[in-house]
Amino acid sequence: IRVEKPEEINELKRLRDRVRQLERLLADANIDVALERAYTELACERAGVDVEAFKKKAAGQLRTKR
């Protein structure tokens, strides 16, 4: 048997809620990344551009804009 103070119970509930929220946010972020990858692949395919070459070119452009 474990004895907890009311504030400990509330803290546990708050932390569990926070974990659930973070899990949802992570799932949303993973979906966004998957959609972006799929869109990039589709756009490159339609434009006749190699995906890897496009990624390298885009990465190089991002570095020079800083």
C-alpha atoms as a PDB file:
ATOM      1  CA  ILE A   1       0.000   0.000   0.000  1.00  0.00           C
ATOM      2  CA  ARG A   2       1.285   3.412  -0.931  1.00  0.00           C
ATOM      3  CA  VAL A   3       0.190   6.535   0.906  1.00  0.00           C
ATOM      4  CA  GLU A   4       0.213   9.730  -1.128  1.00  0.00           C
ATOM      5  CA  LYS A   5      -0.564  13.291  -0.281  1.00  0.00           C
ATOM      6  CA  PRO A   6      -3.255  15.016  -2.369  1.00  0.00           C
ATOM      7  CA  GLU A   7      -0.656  17.193  -4.120  1.00  0.00           C
ATOM      8  CA  GLU A   8       1.318  14.071  -5.057  1.00  0.00           C
ATOM      9  CA  ILE A   9      -1.788  12.557  -6.639  1.00  0.00           C
ATOM     10  CA  ASN A  10      -2.411  15.786  -8.560  1.00  0.00           C
ATOM     11  CA  GLU A  11       1.206  15.879  -9.692  1.00  0.00           C
ATOM     12  CA  LEU A  12       1.011  12.310 -10.959  1.00  0.00           C
ATOM     13  CA  LYS A  13      -2.176  13.102 -12.908  1.00  0.00           C
ATOM     14  CA  ARG A  14      -0.607  16.264 -14.324  1.00  0.00           C
ATOM     15  CA  LEU A  15       2.476  14.378 -15.449  1.00  0.00           C
ATOM     16  CA  ARG A  16       0.430  11.604 -17.064  1.00  0.00           C
ATOM     17  CA  ASP A  17      -1.640  14.214 -18.902  1.00  0.00           C
ATOM     18  CA  ARG A  18       1.564  15.899 -20.046  1.00  0.00           C
ATOM     19  CA  VAL A  19       2.946  12.612 -21.354  1.00  0.00           C
ATOM     20  CA  ARG A  20      -0.274  12.005 -23.305  1.00  0.00           C
ATOM     21  CA  GLN A  21      -0.095  15.522 -24.745  1.00  0.00           C
ATOM     22  CA  LEU A  22       3.538  15.074 -25.773  1.00  0.00           C
ATOM     23  CA  GLU A  23       2.760  11.701 -27.358  1.00  0.00           C
ATOM     24  CA  ARG A  24      -0.004  13.325 -29.429  1.00  0.00           C
ATOM     25  CA  LEU A  25       2.301  16.158 -30.472  1.00  0.00           C
ATOM     26  CA  LEU A  26       5.015  13.700 -31.458  1.00  0.00           C
ATOM     27  CA  ALA A  27       2.537  11.685 -33.518  1.00  0.00           C
ATOM     28  CA  ASP A  28       1.387  14.883 -35.252  1.00  0.00           C
ATOM     29  CA  ALA A  29       4.989  15.873 -35.982  1.00  0.00           C
ATOM     30  CA  ASN A  30       5.733  12.427 -37.413  1.00  0.00           C
ATOM     31  CA  ILE A  31       2.685  12.678 -39.674  1.00  0.00           C
ATOM     32  CA  ASP A  32       3.774  16.144 -40.834  1.00  0.00           C
ATOM     33  CA  VAL A  33       7.264  14.846 -41.689  1.00  0.00           C
ATOM     34  CA  ALA A  34       5.847  11.848 -43.554  1.00  0.00           C
ATOM     35  CA  LEU A  35       3.524  14.098 -45.567  1.00  0.00           C
ATOM     36  CA  GLU A  36       6.329  16.512 -46.372  1.00  0.00           C
ATOM     37  CA  ARG A  37       8.572  13.671 -47.552  1.00  0.00           C
ATOM     38  CA  ALA A  38       5.814  12.217 -49.702  1.00  0.00           C
ATOM     39  CA  TYR A  39       5.038  15.643 -51.181  1.00  0.00           C
ATOM     40  CA  THR A  40       8.723  16.264 -51.931  1.00  0.00           C
ATOM     41  CA  GLU A  41       9.084  12.882 -53.617  1.00  0.00           C
ATOM     42  CA  LEU A  42       5.943  13.441 -55.687  1.00  0.00           C
ATOM     43  CA  ALA A  43       6.979  16.971 -56.680  1.00  0.00           C
ATOM     44  CA  CYS A  44      10.469  15.790 -57.663  1.00  0.00           C
ATOM     45  CA  GLU A  45       9.018  12.900 -59.639  1.00  0.00           C
ATOM     46  CA  ARG A  46       6.674  15.213 -61.551  1.00  0.00           C
ATOM     47  CA  ALA A  47       9.457  17.727 -62.174  1.00  0.00           C
ATOM     48  CA  GLY A  48      11.864  15.019 -63.277  1.00  0.00           C
ATOM     49  CA  VAL A  49      14.351  15.828 -60.527  1.00  0.00           C
ATOM     50  CA  ASP A  50      16.268  13.293 -58.435  1.00  0.00           C
ATOM     51  CA  VAL A  51      15.047  13.517 -54.828  1.00  0.00           C
ATOM     52  CA  GLU A  52      18.509  13.119 -53.288  1.00  0.00           C
ATOM     53  CA  ALA A  53      19.971  15.787 -55.576  1.00  0.00           C
ATOM     54  CA  PHE A  54      17.131  18.128 -54.654  1.00  0.00           C
ATOM     55  CA  LYS A  55      17.696  17.543 -50.933  1.00  0.00           C
ATOM     56  CA  LYS A  56      21.426  18.243 -51.263  1.00  0.00           C
ATOM     57  CA  LYS A  57      20.791  21.401 -53.249  1.00  0.00           C
ATOM     58  CA  ALA A  58      18.136  22.609 -50.808  1.00  0.00           C
ATOM     59  CA  ALA A  59      20.384  21.872 -47.818  1.00  0.00           C
ATOM     60  CA  GLY A  60      23.196  23.877 -49.390  1.00  0.00           C
ATOM     61  CA  GLN A  61      20.885  26.827 -49.989  1.00  0.00           C
ATOM     62  CA  LEU A  62      19.707  26.786 -46.381  1.00  0.00           C
ATOM     63  CA  ARG A  63      23.271  26.956 -45.073  1.00  0.00           C
ATOM     64  CA  THR A  64      24.195  29.963 -47.205  1.00  0.00           C
ATOM     65  CA  LYS A  65      21.201  32.038 -46.134  1.00  0.00           C
ATOM     66  CA  ARG A  66      22.328  32.276 -42.500  1.00  0.00           C
END
